[in-house]
Amino acid sequence: MLVQKREGRGVAGDLLITVIVSTTAGSSANCHDLTIGATSTFGEMKEALSMLTGLEPREQRLVFKGKEREDGDHLHMVGVRDRDKVLLLQDPAIREKKLLLLQQAMAGLEALIATPLFRSS
């Protein structure tokens, strides 16, 4: 007789798994343990990760087994199991856009600082 060990259960009896999410930001790397329902989607995982990382879901790219996964892909359907690793990358196009906006804001701030507050008459 085969007996399956059951882990904790979430909403509506969904089996909970813990996924190890590795993030890379510049030269540093972080790991997050994320407990989520086994039948959740990668989109739902992105929502949960946004609270941990501060990255909006549209800025995130999740890679599992060497492939970027779509938001609608279910974890259990692509083979994600308890204690598996998922790589979180920031979308490079959005990162460049944010950097450009930051540079423009800094240039505007520098121009504002360079303007004399009081002009002598």
PDB file of N, CA and C in Angstrom:
ATOM      1  N   MET A   1       0.837  -1.172   0.000  1.00  0.00           N
ATOM      2  CA  MET A   1       0.000   0.000   0.000  1.00  0.00           C
ATOM      3  C   MET A   1       0.885   1.239   0.000  1.00  0.00           C
ATOM      4  N   LEU A   2       0.574   2.175  -0.885  1.00  0.00           N
ATOM      5  CA  LEU A   2       1.340   3.404  -1.026  1.00  0.00           C
ATOM      6  C   LEU A   2       0.656   4.509  -0.235  1.00  0.00           C
ATOM      7  N   VAL A   3       1.410   5.156   0.633  1.00  0.00           N
ATOM      8  CA  VAL A   3       0.866   6.237   1.440  1.00  0.00           C
ATOM      9  C   VAL A   3       1.626   7.503   1.091  1.00  0.00           C
ATOM     10  N   GLN A   4       0.867   8.553   0.774  1.00  0.00           N
ATOM     11  CA  GLN A   4       1.480   9.822   0.415  1.00  0.00           C
ATOM     12  C   GLN A   4       1.513  10.738   1.624  1.00  0.00           C
ATOM     13  N   LYS A   5       2.685  11.308   1.892  1.00  0.00           N
ATOM     14  CA  LYS A   5       2.815  12.248   2.995  1.00  0.00           C
ATOM     15  C   LYS A   5       2.184  13.572   2.573  1.00  0.00           C
ATOM     16  N   ARG A   6       1.343  14.120   3.410  1.00  0.00           N
ATOM     17  CA  ARG A   6       0.663  15.381   3.121  1.00  0.00           C
ATOM     18  C   ARG A   6       1.334  16.508   3.899  1.00  0.00           C
ATOM     19  N   GLU A   7       1.539  17.600   3.208  1.00  0.00           N
ATOM     20  CA  GLU A   7       2.070  18.802   3.848  1.00  0.00           C
ATOM     21  C   GLU A   7       0.884  19.636   4.326  1.00  0.00           C
ATOM     22  N   GLY A   8       1.160  20.875   4.727  1.00  0.00           N
ATOM     23  CA  GLY A   8       0.089  21.772   5.148  1.00  0.00           C
ATOM     24  C   GLY A   8      -0.864  22.057   4.002  1.00  0.00           C
ATOM     25  N   ARG A   9      -2.077  22.400   4.329  1.00  0.00           N
ATOM     26  CA  ARG A   9      -3.072  22.702   3.298  1.00  0.00           C
ATOM     27  C   ARG A   9      -3.486  24.163   3.415  1.00  0.00           C
ATOM     28  N   GLY A  10      -3.735  24.772   2.269  1.00  0.00           N
ATOM     29  CA  GLY A  10      -4.145  26.172   2.221  1.00  0.00           C
ATOM     30  C   GLY A  10      -5.628  26.289   1.975  1.00  0.00           C
ATOM     31  N   VAL A  11      -6.011  27.303   1.252  1.00  0.00           N
ATOM     32  CA  VAL A  11      -7.408  27.577   0.944  1.00  0.00           C
ATOM     33  C   VAL A  11      -7.974  26.450   0.098  1.00  0.00           C
ATOM     34  N   ALA A  12      -9.162  26.005   0.409  1.00  0.00           N
ATOM     35  CA  ALA A  12      -9.892  24.963  -0.334  1.00  0.00           C
ATOM     36  C   ALA A  12      -9.090  23.667  -0.442  1.00  0.00           C
ATOM     37  N   GLY A  13      -8.283  23.348   0.552  1.00  0.00           N
ATOM     38  CA  GLY A  13      -7.556  22.085   0.569  1.00  0.00           C
ATOM     39  C   GLY A  13      -6.362  22.033  -0.357  1.00  0.00           C
ATOM     40  N   ASP A  14      -5.934  23.166  -0.907  1.00  0.00           N
ATOM     41  CA  ASP A  14      -4.788  23.212  -1.811  1.00  0.00           C
ATOM     42  C   ASP A  14      -3.515  22.884  -1.028  1.00  0.00           C
ATOM     43  N   LEU A  15      -2.715  21.966  -1.525  1.00  0.00           N
ATOM     44  CA  LEU A  15      -1.460  21.583  -0.897  1.00  0.00           C
ATOM     45  C   LEU A  15      -0.496  22.762  -0.937  1.00  0.00           C
ATOM     46  N   LEU A  16       0.109  23.101   0.184  1.00  0.00           N
ATOM     47  CA  LEU A  16       1.072  24.195   0.242  1.00  0.00           C
ATOM     48  C   LEU A  16       2.476  23.665   0.033  1.00  0.00           C
ATOM     49  N   ILE A  17       3.246  24.388  -0.773  1.00  0.00           N
ATOM     50  CA  ILE A  17       4.648  24.054  -0.987  1.00  0.00           C
ATOM     51  C   ILE A  17       5.482  25.292  -0.691  1.00  0.00           C
ATOM     52  N   THR A  18       6.737  25.077  -0.373  1.00  0.00           N
ATOM     53  CA  THR A  18       7.671  26.175  -0.184  1.00  0.00           C
ATOM     54  C   THR A  18       8.622  26.181  -1.365  1.00  0.00           C
ATOM     55  N   VAL A  19       8.673  27.324  -2.045  1.00  0.00           N
ATOM     56  CA  VAL A  19       9.535  27.483  -3.212  1.00  0.00           C
ATOM     57  C   VAL A  19      10.676  28.410  -2.816  1.00  0.00           C
ATOM     58  N   ILE A  20      11.891  28.049  -3.175  1.00  0.00           N
ATOM     59  CA  ILE A  20      13.056  28.885  -2.905  1.00  0.00           C
ATOM     60  C   ILE A  20      13.248  29.784  -4.118  1.00  0.00           C
ATOM     61  N   VAL A  21      13.106  31.091  -3.916  1.00  0.00           N
ATOM     62  CA  VAL A  21      13.207  32.044  -5.013  1.00  0.00           C
ATOM     63  C   VAL A  21      14.526  32.795  -4.881  1.00  0.00           C
ATOM     64  N   SER A  22      15.381  32.665  -5.886  1.00  0.00           N
ATOM     65  CA  SER A  22      16.660  33.370  -5.912  1.00  0.00           C
ATOM     66  C   SER A  22      16.499  34.631  -6.737  1.00  0.00           C
ATOM     67  N   THR A  23      16.961  35.744  -6.197  1.00  0.00           N
ATOM     68  CA  THR A  23      16.909  37.004  -6.926  1.00  0.00           C
ATOM     69  C   THR A  23      18.318  37.510  -7.144  1.00  0.00           C
ATOM     70  N   THR A  24      18.521  38.179  -8.247  1.00  0.00           N
ATOM     71  CA  THR A  24      19.809  38.801  -8.518  1.00  0.00           C
ATOM     72  C   THR A  24      19.563  40.275  -8.768  1.00  0.00           C
ATOM     73  N   ALA A  25      20.244  41.099  -8.027  1.00  0.00           N
ATOM     74  CA  ALA A  25      20.148  42.546  -8.196  1.00  0.00           C
ATOM     75  C   ALA A  25      21.563  43.093  -8.220  1.00  0.00           C
ATOM     76  N   GLY A  26      22.046  43.414  -9.411  1.00  0.00           N
ATOM     77  CA  GLY A  26      23.418  43.880  -9.540  1.00  0.00           C
ATOM     78  C   GLY A  26      24.385  42.766  -9.203  1.00  0.00           C
ATOM     79  N   SER A  27      25.264  43.021  -8.243  1.00  0.00           N
ATOM     80  CA  SER A  27      26.249  42.003  -7.871  1.00  0.00           C
ATOM     81  C   SER A  27      25.805  41.182  -6.664  1.00  0.00           C
ATOM     82  N   SER A  28      24.647  41.518  -6.086  1.00  0.00           N
ATOM     83  CA  SER A  28      24.187  40.785  -4.909  1.00  0.00           C
ATOM     84  C   SER A  28      23.079  39.808  -5.279  1.00  0.00           C
ATOM     85  N   ALA A  29      22.959  38.763  -4.490  1.00  0.00           N
ATOM     86  CA  ALA A  29      21.913  37.758  -4.705  1.00  0.00           C
ATOM     87  C   ALA A  29      21.221  37.494  -3.376  1.00  0.00           C
ATOM     88  N   ASN A  30      19.926  37.298  -3.440  1.00  0.00           N
ATOM     89  CA  ASN A  30      19.135  37.009  -2.246  1.00  0.00           C
ATOM     90  C   ASN A  30      18.285  35.778  -2.492  1.00  0.00           C
ATOM     91  N   CYS A  31      17.900  35.116  -1.412  1.00  0.00           N
ATOM     92  CA  CYS A  31      16.980  33.982  -1.501  1.00  0.00           C
ATOM     93  C   CYS A  31      15.782  34.260  -0.601  1.00  0.00           C
ATOM     94  N   HIS A  32      14.611  33.902  -1.102  1.00  0.00           N
ATOM     95  CA  HIS A  32      13.372  34.042  -0.339  1.00  0.00           C
ATOM     96  C   HIS A  32      12.684  32.688  -0.323  1.00  0.00           C
ATOM     97  N   ASP A  33      12.189  32.288   0.830  1.00  0.00           N
ATOM     98  CA  ASP A  33      11.348  31.092   0.924  1.00  0.00           C
ATOM     99  C   ASP A  33       9.907  31.559   0.825  1.00  0.00           C
ATOM    100  N   LEU A  34       9.206  31.095  -0.193  1.00  0.00           N
ATOM    101  CA  LEU A  34       7.830  31.507  -0.437  1.00  0.00           C
ATOM    102  C   LEU A  34       6.922  30.299  -0.322  1.00  0.00           C
ATOM    103  N   THR A  35       5.973  30.354   0.607  1.00  0.00           N
ATOM    104  CA  THR A  35       4.995  29.277   0.759  1.00  0.00           C
ATOM    105  C   THR A  35       3.753  29.661  -0.028  1.00  0.00           C
ATOM    106  N   ILE A  36       3.353  28.771  -0.940  1.00  0.00           N
ATOM    107  CA  ILE A  36       2.267  29.065  -1.875  1.00  0.00           C
ATOM    108  C   ILE A  36       1.543  27.770  -2.205  1.00  0.00           C
ATOM    109  N   GLY A  37       0.332  27.871  -2.679  1.00  0.00           N
ATOM    110  CA  GLY A  37      -0.429  26.692  -3.071  1.00  0.00           C
ATOM    111  C   GLY A  37       0.199  25.998  -4.271  1.00  0.00           C
ATOM    112  N   ALA A  38       0.221  24.680  -4.248  1.00  0.00           N
ATOM    113  CA  ALA A  38       0.853  23.908  -5.319  1.00  0.00           C
ATOM    114  C   ALA A  38       0.168  24.108  -6.660  1.00  0.00           C
ATOM    115  N   THR A  39      -1.115  24.454  -6.657  1.00  0.00           N
ATOM    116  CA  THR A  39      -1.842  24.648  -7.911  1.00  0.00           C
ATOM    117  C   THR A  39      -1.927  26.119  -8.309  1.00  0.00           C
ATOM    118  N   SER A  40      -1.170  26.974  -7.643  1.00  0.00           N
ATOM    119  CA  SER A  40      -1.144  28.399  -7.979  1.00  0.00           C
ATOM    120  C   SER A  40      -0.466  28.602  -9.330  1.00  0.00           C
ATOM    121  N   THR A  41      -0.625  29.803  -9.871  1.00  0.00           N
ATOM    122  CA  THR A  41       0.026  30.142 -11.138  1.00  0.00           C
ATOM    123  C   THR A  41       1.286  30.963 -10.860  1.00  0.00           C
ATOM    124  N   PHE A  42       2.113  31.093 -11.882  1.00  0.00           N
ATOM    125  CA  PHE A  42       3.298  31.935 -11.746  1.00  0.00           C
ATOM    126  C   PHE A  42       2.891  33.401 -11.564  1.00  0.00           C
ATOM    127  N   GLY A  43       1.755  33.796 -12.123  1.00  0.00           N
ATOM    128  CA  GLY A  43       1.246  35.150 -11.910  1.00  0.00           C
ATOM    129  C   GLY A  43       0.921  35.405 -10.450  1.00  0.00           C
ATOM    130  N   GLU A  44       0.327  34.410  -9.798  1.00  0.00           N
ATOM    131  CA  GLU A  44       0.035  34.532  -8.369  1.00  0.00           C
ATOM    132  C   GLU A  44       1.327  34.555  -7.559  1.00  0.00           C
ATOM    133  N   MET A  45       2.322  33.819  -8.020  1.00  0.00           N
ATOM    134  CA  MET A  45       3.622  33.837  -7.348  1.00  0.00           C
ATOM    135  C   MET A  45       4.245  35.231  -7.467  1.00  0.00           C
ATOM    136  N   LYS A  46       4.113  35.859  -8.631  1.00  0.00           N
ATOM    137  CA  LYS A  46       4.644  37.206  -8.817  1.00  0.00           C
ATOM    138  C   LYS A  46       3.976  38.195  -7.867  1.00  0.00           C
ATOM    139  N   GLU A  47       2.660  38.053  -7.679  1.00  0.00           N
ATOM    140  CA  GLU A  47       1.943  38.927  -6.746  1.00  0.00           C
ATOM    141  C   GLU A  47       2.513  38.783  -5.336  1.00  0.00           C
ATOM    142  N   ALA A  48       2.736  37.549  -4.906  1.00  0.00           N
ATOM    143  CA  ALA A  48       3.290  37.310  -3.567  1.00  0.00           C
ATOM    144  C   ALA A  48       4.718  37.844  -3.465  1.00  0.00           C
ATOM    145  N   LEU A  49       5.503  37.671  -4.527  1.00  0.00           N
ATOM    146  CA  LEU A  49       6.889  38.141  -4.516  1.00  0.00           C
ATOM    147  C   LEU A  49       6.978  39.662  -4.529  1.00  0.00           C
ATOM    148  N   SER A  50       5.985  40.323  -5.095  1.00  0.00           N
ATOM    149  CA  SER A  50       6.027  41.787  -5.130  1.00  0.00           C
ATOM    150  C   SER A  50       6.022  42.363  -3.716  1.00  0.00           C
ATOM    151  N   MET A  51       5.375  41.676  -2.791  1.00  0.00           N
ATOM    152  CA  MET A  51       5.368  42.130  -1.395  1.00  0.00           C
ATOM    153  C   MET A  51       6.730  41.923  -0.734  1.00  0.00           C
ATOM    154  N   LEU A  52       7.460  40.899  -1.164  1.00  0.00           N
ATOM    155  CA  LEU A  52       8.777  40.615  -0.579  1.00  0.00           C
ATOM    156  C   LEU A  52       9.886  41.459  -1.194  1.00  0.00           C
ATOM    157  N   THR A  53       9.804  41.693  -2.511  1.00  0.00           N
ATOM    158  CA  THR A  53      10.913  42.312  -3.225  1.00  0.00           C
ATOM    159  C   THR A  53      10.704  43.774  -3.577  1.00  0.00           C
ATOM    160  N   GLY A  54       9.450  44.215  -3.619  1.00  0.00           N
ATOM    161  CA  GLY A  54       9.180  45.585  -4.037  1.00  0.00           C
ATOM    162  C   GLY A  54       9.083  45.745  -5.548  1.00  0.00           C
ATOM    163  N   LEU A  55       9.323  44.675  -6.294  1.00  0.00           N
ATOM    164  CA  LEU A  55       9.185  44.715  -7.752  1.00  0.00           C
ATOM    165  C   LEU A  55       7.738  44.431  -8.124  1.00  0.00           C
ATOM    166  N   GLU A  56       7.178  45.250  -8.988  1.00  0.00           N
ATOM    167  CA  GLU A  56       5.819  44.997  -9.454  1.00  0.00           C
ATOM    168  C   GLU A  56       5.805  43.723 -10.294  1.00  0.00           C
ATOM    169  N   PRO A  57       4.676  43.013 -10.337  1.00  0.00           N
ATOM    170  CA  PRO A  57       4.613  41.772 -11.114  1.00  0.00           C
ATOM    171  C   PRO A  57       5.014  41.942 -12.578  1.00  0.00           C
ATOM    172  N   ARG A  58       4.679  43.080 -13.200  1.00  0.00           N
ATOM    173  CA  ARG A  58       5.036  43.276 -14.611  1.00  0.00           C
ATOM    174  C   ARG A  58       6.540  43.469 -14.803  1.00  0.00           C
ATOM    175  N   GLU A  59       7.262  43.763 -13.723  1.00  0.00           N
ATOM    176  CA  GLU A  59       8.711  43.938 -13.784  1.00  0.00           C
ATOM    177  C   GLU A  59       9.453  42.621 -13.577  1.00  0.00           C
ATOM    178  N   GLN A  60       8.741  41.567 -13.200  1.00  0.00           N
ATOM    179  CA  GLN A  60       9.371  40.302 -12.831  1.00  0.00           C
ATOM    180  C   GLN A  60       9.378  39.310 -13.986  1.00  0.00           C
ATOM    181  N   ARG A  61      10.442  38.534 -14.038  1.00  0.00           N
ATOM    182  CA  ARG A  61      10.543  37.398 -14.948  1.00  0.00           C
ATOM    183  C   ARG A  61      10.920  36.196 -14.091  1.00  0.00           C
ATOM    184  N   LEU A  62      10.107  35.128 -14.146  1.00  0.00           N
ATOM    185  CA  LEU A  62      10.364  33.927 -13.349  1.00  0.00           C
ATOM    186  C   LEU A  62      10.862  32.815 -14.253  1.00  0.00           C
ATOM    187  N   VAL A  63      11.982  32.208 -13.860  1.00  0.00           N
ATOM    188  CA  VAL A  63      12.603  31.140 -14.638  1.00  0.00           C
ATOM    189  C   VAL A  63      12.620  29.871 -13.794  1.00  0.00           C
ATOM    190  N   PHE A  64      12.095  28.789 -14.377  1.00  0.00           N
ATOM    191  CA  PHE A  64      12.103  27.482 -13.722  1.00  0.00           C
ATOM    192  C   PHE A  64      12.562  26.455 -14.739  1.00  0.00           C
ATOM    193  N   LYS A  65      13.548  25.652 -14.348  1.00  0.00           N
ATOM    194  CA  LYS A  65      14.146  24.639 -15.222  1.00  0.00           C
ATOM    195  C   LYS A  65      14.616  25.240 -16.548  1.00  0.00           C
ATOM    196  N   GLY A  66      15.231  26.426 -16.457  1.00  0.00           N
ATOM    197  CA  GLY A  66      15.838  27.051 -17.620  1.00  0.00           C
ATOM    198  C   GLY A  66      14.894  27.753 -18.575  1.00  0.00           C
ATOM    199  N   LYS A  67      13.603  27.823 -18.244  1.00  0.00           N
ATOM    200  CA  LYS A  67      12.636  28.466 -19.132  1.00  0.00           C
ATOM    201  C   LYS A  67      11.889  29.563 -18.384  1.00  0.00           C
ATOM    202  N   GLU A  68      11.678  30.687 -19.077  1.00  0.00           N
ATOM    203  CA  GLU A  68      10.843  31.731 -18.494  1.00  0.00           C
ATOM    204  C   GLU A  68       9.404  31.252 -18.528  1.00  0.00           C
ATOM    205  N   ARG A  69       8.725  31.387 -17.429  1.00  0.00           N
ATOM    206  CA  ARG A  69       7.356  30.879 -17.311  1.00  0.00           C
ATOM    207  C   ARG A  69       6.343  32.013 -17.463  1.00  0.00           C
ATOM    208  N   GLU A  70       5.232  31.693 -18.115  1.00  0.00           N
ATOM    209  CA  GLU A  70       4.149  32.653 -18.330  1.00  0.00           C
ATOM    210  C   GLU A  70       3.303  32.771 -17.064  1.00  0.00           C
ATOM    211  N   ASP A  71       2.623  33.897 -16.920  1.00  0.00           N
ATOM    212  CA  ASP A  71       1.802  34.140 -15.731  1.00  0.00           C
ATOM    213  C   ASP A  71       0.709  33.095 -15.550  1.00  0.00           C
ATOM    214  N   GLY A  72       0.173  32.564 -16.630  1.00  0.00           N
ATOM    215  CA  GLY A  72      -0.924  31.604 -16.544  1.00  0.00           C
ATOM    216  C   GLY A  72      -0.496  30.172 -16.309  1.00  0.00           C
ATOM    217  N   ASP A  73       0.814  29.900 -16.343  1.00  0.00           N
ATOM    218  CA  ASP A  73       1.305  28.538 -16.116  1.00  0.00           C
ATOM    219  C   ASP A  73       1.104  28.155 -14.650  1.00  0.00           C
ATOM    220  N   HIS A  74       0.549  26.972 -14.422  1.00  0.00           N
ATOM    221  CA  HIS A  74       0.348  26.475 -13.057  1.00  0.00           C
ATOM    222  C   HIS A  74       1.619  25.782 -12.573  1.00  0.00           C
ATOM    223  N   LEU A  75       1.953  26.008 -11.308  1.00  0.00           N
ATOM    224  CA  LEU A  75       3.181  25.453 -10.738  1.00  0.00           C
ATOM    225  C   LEU A  75       3.220  23.935 -10.867  1.00  0.00           C
ATOM    226  N   HIS A  76       2.142  23.259 -10.488  1.00  0.00           N
ATOM    227  CA  HIS A  76       2.140  21.793 -10.500  1.00  0.00           C
ATOM    228  C   HIS A  76       2.191  21.237 -11.924  1.00  0.00           C
ATOM    229  N   MET A  77       1.706  21.990 -12.900  1.00  0.00           N
ATOM    230  CA  MET A  77       1.687  21.507 -14.286  1.00  0.00           C
ATOM    231  C   MET A  77       3.077  21.523 -14.931  1.00  0.00           C
ATOM    232  N   VAL A  78       3.951  22.426 -14.468  1.00  0.00           N
ATOM    233  CA  VAL A  78       5.308  22.476 -15.019  1.00  0.00           C
ATOM    234  C   VAL A  78       6.306  21.742 -14.132  1.00  0.00           C
ATOM    235  N   GLY A  79       5.815  21.147 -13.040  1.00  0.00           N
ATOM    236  CA  GLY A  79       6.668  20.296 -12.216  1.00  0.00           C
ATOM    237  C   GLY A  79       7.293  20.938 -10.999  1.00  0.00           C
ATOM    238  N   VAL A  80       6.803  22.102 -10.567  1.00  0.00           N
ATOM    239  CA  VAL A  80       7.351  22.732  -9.362  1.00  0.00           C
ATOM    240  C   VAL A  80       6.891  21.933  -8.151  1.00  0.00           C
ATOM    241  N   ARG A  81       7.856  21.531  -7.344  1.00  0.00           N
ATOM    242  CA  ARG A  81       7.573  20.762  -6.128  1.00  0.00           C
ATOM    243  C   ARG A  81       8.137  21.487  -4.917  1.00  0.00           C
ATOM    244  N   ASP A  82       7.841  20.939  -3.747  1.00  0.00           N
ATOM    245  CA  ASP A  82       8.311  21.527  -2.499  1.00  0.00           C
ATOM    246  C   ASP A  82       9.832  21.632  -2.501  1.00  0.00           C
ATOM    247  N   ARG A  83      10.341  22.805  -2.111  1.00  0.00           N
ATOM    248  CA  ARG A  83      11.774  23.133  -1.991  1.00  0.00           C
ATOM    249  C   ARG A  83      12.477  23.259  -3.347  1.00  0.00           C
ATOM    250  N   ASP A  84      11.732  23.356  -4.456  1.00  0.00           N
ATOM    251  CA  ASP A  84      12.346  23.617  -5.759  1.00  0.00           C
ATOM    252  C   ASP A  84      12.781  25.076  -5.825  1.00  0.00           C
ATOM    253  N   LYS A  85      13.714  25.355  -6.739  1.00  0.00           N
ATOM    254  CA  LYS A  85      14.249  26.705  -6.888  1.00  0.00           C
ATOM    255  C   LYS A  85      13.688  27.363  -8.140  1.00  0.00           C
ATOM    256  N   VAL A  86      13.342  28.643  -7.992  1.00  0.00           N
ATOM    257  CA  VAL A  86      12.870  29.473  -9.094  1.00  0.00           C
ATOM    258  C   VAL A  86      13.733  30.728  -9.095  1.00  0.00           C
ATOM    259  N   LEU A  87      14.141  31.169 -10.270  1.00  0.00           N
ATOM    260  CA  LEU A  87      14.977  32.358 -10.402  1.00  0.00           C
ATOM    261  C   LEU A  87      14.102  33.549 -10.758  1.00  0.00           C
ATOM    262  N   LEU A  88      14.244  34.627 -10.009  1.00  0.00           N
ATOM    263  CA  LEU A  88      13.509  35.864 -10.265  1.00  0.00           C
ATOM    264  C   LEU A  88      14.461  36.879 -10.876  1.00  0.00           C
ATOM    265  N   LEU A  89      14.112  37.344 -12.072  1.00  0.00           N
ATOM    266  CA  LEU A  89      14.902  38.361 -12.757  1.00  0.00           C
ATOM    267  C   LEU A  89      14.046  39.597 -12.957  1.00  0.00           C
ATOM    268  N   GLN A  90      14.697  40.756 -12.932  1.00  0.00           N
ATOM    269  CA  GLN A  90      13.976  41.984 -13.245  1.00  0.00           C
ATOM    270  C   GLN A  90      14.009  42.172 -14.750  1.00  0.00           C
ATOM    271  N   ASP A  91      12.868  42.519 -15.347  1.00  0.00           N
ATOM    272  CA  ASP A  91      12.776  42.734 -16.786  1.00  0.00           C
ATOM    273  C   ASP A  91      13.764  43.833 -17.182  1.00  0.00           C
ATOM    274  N   PRO A  92      14.741  43.539 -18.067  1.00  0.00           N
ATOM    275  CA  PRO A  92      15.762  44.532 -18.413  1.00  0.00           C
ATOM    276  C   PRO A  92      15.191  45.772 -19.099  1.00  0.00           C
ATOM    277  N   ALA A  93      14.150  45.623 -19.899  1.00  0.00           N
ATOM    278  CA  ALA A  93      13.564  46.776 -20.586  1.00  0.00           C
ATOM    279  C   ALA A  93      12.963  47.749 -19.579  1.00  0.00           C
ATOM    280  N   ILE A  94      12.286  47.233 -18.587  1.00  0.00           N
ATOM    281  CA  ILE A  94      11.673  48.093 -17.569  1.00  0.00           C
ATOM    282  C   ILE A  94      12.751  48.705 -16.684  1.00  0.00           C
ATOM    283  N   ARG A  95      13.804  47.946 -16.401  1.00  0.00           N
ATOM    284  CA  ARG A  95      14.903  48.479 -15.584  1.00  0.00           C
ATOM    285  C   ARG A  95      15.565  49.658 -16.300  1.00  0.00           C
ATOM    286  N   GLU A  96      15.789  49.530 -17.626  1.00  0.00           N
ATOM    287  CA  GLU A  96      16.393  50.618 -18.393  1.00  0.00           C
ATOM    288  C   GLU A  96      15.477  51.836 -18.430  1.00  0.00           C
ATOM    289  N   LYS A  97      14.173  51.599 -18.564  1.00  0.00           N
ATOM    290  CA  LYS A  97      13.213  52.702 -18.584  1.00  0.00           C
ATOM    291  C   LYS A  97      13.220  53.437 -17.247  1.00  0.00           C
ATOM    292  N   LYS A  98      13.267  52.685 -16.139  1.00  0.00           N
ATOM    293  CA  LYS A  98      13.323  53.308 -14.812  1.00  0.00           C
ATOM    294  C   LYS A  98      14.608  54.121 -14.647  1.00  0.00           C
ATOM    295  N   LEU A  99      15.724  53.578 -15.142  1.00  0.00           N
ATOM    296  CA  LEU A  99      17.001  54.274 -15.052  1.00  0.00           C
ATOM    297  C   LEU A  99      16.955  55.576 -15.841  1.00  0.00           C
ATOM    298  N   LEU A 100      16.367  55.543 -17.042  1.00  0.00           N
ATOM    299  CA  LEU A 100      16.243  56.740 -17.864  1.00  0.00           C
ATOM    300  C   LEU A 100      15.383  57.790 -17.167  1.00  0.00           C
ATOM    301  N   LEU A 101      14.260  57.370 -16.585  1.00  0.00           N
ATOM    302  CA  LEU A 101      13.401  58.307 -15.860  1.00  0.00           C
ATOM    303  C   LEU A 101      14.121  58.908 -14.654  1.00  0.00           C
ATOM    304  N   LEU A 102      14.910  58.090 -13.968  1.00  0.00           N
ATOM    305  CA  LEU A 102      15.674  58.578 -12.822  1.00  0.00           C
ATOM    306  C   LEU A 102      16.715  59.600 -13.265  1.00  0.00           C
ATOM    307  N   GLN A 103      17.396  59.330 -14.383  1.00  0.00           N
ATOM    308  CA  GLN A 103      18.393  60.267 -14.901  1.00  0.00           C
ATOM    309  C   GLN A 103      17.742  61.590 -15.297  1.00  0.00           C
ATOM    310  N   GLN A 104      16.560  61.526 -15.917  1.00  0.00           N
ATOM    311  CA  GLN A 104      15.847  62.746 -16.295  1.00  0.00           C
ATOM    312  C   GLN A 104      15.433  63.532 -15.055  1.00  0.00           C
ATOM    313  N   ALA A 105      14.981  62.842 -14.044  1.00  0.00           N
ATOM    314  CA  ALA A 105      14.585  63.508 -12.803  1.00  0.00           C
ATOM    315  C   ALA A 105      15.793  64.168 -12.141  1.00  0.00           C
ATOM    316  N   MET A 106      16.929  63.479 -12.152  1.00  0.00           N
ATOM    317  CA  MET A 106      18.148  64.038 -11.560  1.00  0.00           C
ATOM    318  C   MET A 106      18.598  65.271 -12.335  1.00  0.00           C
ATOM    319  N   ALA A 107      18.507  65.226 -13.676  1.00  0.00           N
ATOM    320  CA  ALA A 107      18.893  66.375 -14.490  1.00  0.00           C
ATOM    321  C   ALA A 107      17.984  67.564 -14.186  1.00  0.00           C
ATOM    322  N   GLY A 108      16.694  67.317 -14.031  1.00  0.00           N
ATOM    323  CA  GLY A 108      15.762  68.389 -13.682  1.00  0.00           C
ATOM    324  C   GLY A 108      16.051  68.959 -12.310  1.00  0.00           C
ATOM    325  N   LEU A 109      16.411  68.096 -11.375  1.00  0.00           N
ATOM    326  CA  LEU A 109      16.741  68.538 -10.023  1.00  0.00           C
ATOM    327  C   LEU A 109      18.017  69.372 -10.025  1.00  0.00           C
ATOM    328  N   GLU A 110      19.016  68.939 -10.795  1.00  0.00           N
ATOM    329  CA  GLU A 110      20.264  69.700 -10.889  1.00  0.00           C
ATOM    330  C   GLU A 110      20.015  71.074 -11.497  1.00  0.00           C
ATOM    331  N   ALA A 111      19.137  71.145 -12.510  1.00  0.00           N
ATOM    332  CA  ALA A 111      18.810  72.429 -13.126  1.00  0.00           C
ATOM    333  C   ALA A 111      18.104  73.334 -12.122  1.00  0.00           C
ATOM    334  N   LEU A 112      17.241  72.764 -11.317  1.00  0.00           N
ATOM    335  CA  LEU A 112      16.525  73.536 -10.304  1.00  0.00           C
ATOM    336  C   LEU A 112      17.488  74.058  -9.241  1.00  0.00           C
ATOM    337  N   ILE A 113      18.431  73.236  -8.847  1.00  0.00           N
ATOM    338  CA  ILE A 113      19.411  73.646  -7.839  1.00  0.00           C
ATOM    339  C   ILE A 113      20.318  74.742  -8.383  1.00  0.00           C
ATOM    340  N   ALA A 114      20.642  74.668  -9.670  1.00  0.00           N
ATOM    341  CA  ALA A 114      21.540  75.645 -10.281  1.00  0.00           C
ATOM    342  C   ALA A 114      20.874  77.008 -10.465  1.00  0.00           C
ATOM    343  N   THR A 115      19.565  77.078 -10.471  1.00  0.00           N
ATOM    344  CA  THR A 115      18.862  78.349 -10.647  1.00  0.00           C
ATOM    345  C   THR A 115      18.935  79.141  -9.351  1.00  0.00           C
ATOM    346  N   PRO A 116      19.355  80.393  -9.455  1.00  0.00           N
ATOM    347  CA  PRO A 116      19.405  81.202  -8.229  1.00  0.00           C
ATOM    348  C   PRO A 116      18.000  81.442  -7.679  1.00  0.00           C
ATOM    349  N   LEU A 117      17.873  81.316  -6.380  1.00  0.00           N
ATOM    350  CA  LEU A 117      16.572  81.512  -5.750  1.00  0.00           C
ATOM    351  C   LEU A 117      16.172  82.991  -5.743  1.00  0.00           C
ATOM    352  N   PHE A 118      17.140  83.833  -5.512  1.00  0.00           N
ATOM    353  CA  PHE A 118      16.868  85.270  -5.480  1.00  0.00           C
ATOM    354  C   PHE A 118      17.782  85.948  -6.483  1.00  0.00           C
ATOM    355  N   ARG A 119      17.196  86.773  -7.297  1.00  0.00           N
ATOM    356  CA  ARG A 119      18.013  87.528  -8.251  1.00  0.00           C
ATOM    357  C   ARG A 119      18.203  88.937  -7.685  1.00  0.00           C
ATOM    358  N   SER A 120      19.396  89.398  -7.805  1.00  0.00           N
ATOM    359  CA  SER A 120      19.642  90.758  -7.310  1.00  0.00           C
ATOM    360  C   SER A 120      19.172  91.766  -8.349  1.00  0.00           C
ATOM    361  N   SER A 121      18.574  92.835  -7.904  1.00  0.00           N
ATOM    362  CA  SER A 121      18.038  93.851  -8.818  1.00  0.00           C
ATOM    363  C   SER A 121      19.025  94.945  -9.060  1.00  0.00           C
TER     364      SER A 121
END
